[in-house]
Amino acid sequence: MKYLWDTHALIWAMEDDPLLSPKARAAAREPNQHAVAGISLWEVACLVHKGRIRLSLPIEDWMHAVCDRLPVLSLSAAIAVRCYCLGEFHGDPADRMIVATALVHGLTLVTRDESIIRHPGLVTLWE
């Protein structure tokens, strides 16, 4: 694996949204190099439930499509500990878990979130 997809990037990639950057789109074409943090699946379900996003498939089918294409990285003890060693960079627990997952697994995080991109030691891909 090489890339971990932040929640918004995952949605845009799965939905073929033009908001996905050209570099992220090119990375998405690399076979067998991608993963998603389990917390991102929860975030997508929350966004759908709250009516903040609409997906091209029913949520269950969409989730199956993601899980058929990408390994889902679960929360581990190492990730949980790393979440709280990140300092003050971000208050959103889901974003902290995504960043910690990328760091623990040594993955490049595909994200356009500026507050995440600025985290020292984290390798990101977007523009």
Foldseek 3Di string as FASTA:
>chain_A
DAEEEALVLVQCQLQVNPVAAPFSVVVVPDAPRYAYEPLSLVVVVVCVVVVVDDHPDPSVVSVVVRVVRHHYHYDDPQLVVQLVVQPPLDDDSSLSSSQSVCVVVVHAYEDPPPSSCPRPPHHYDGD
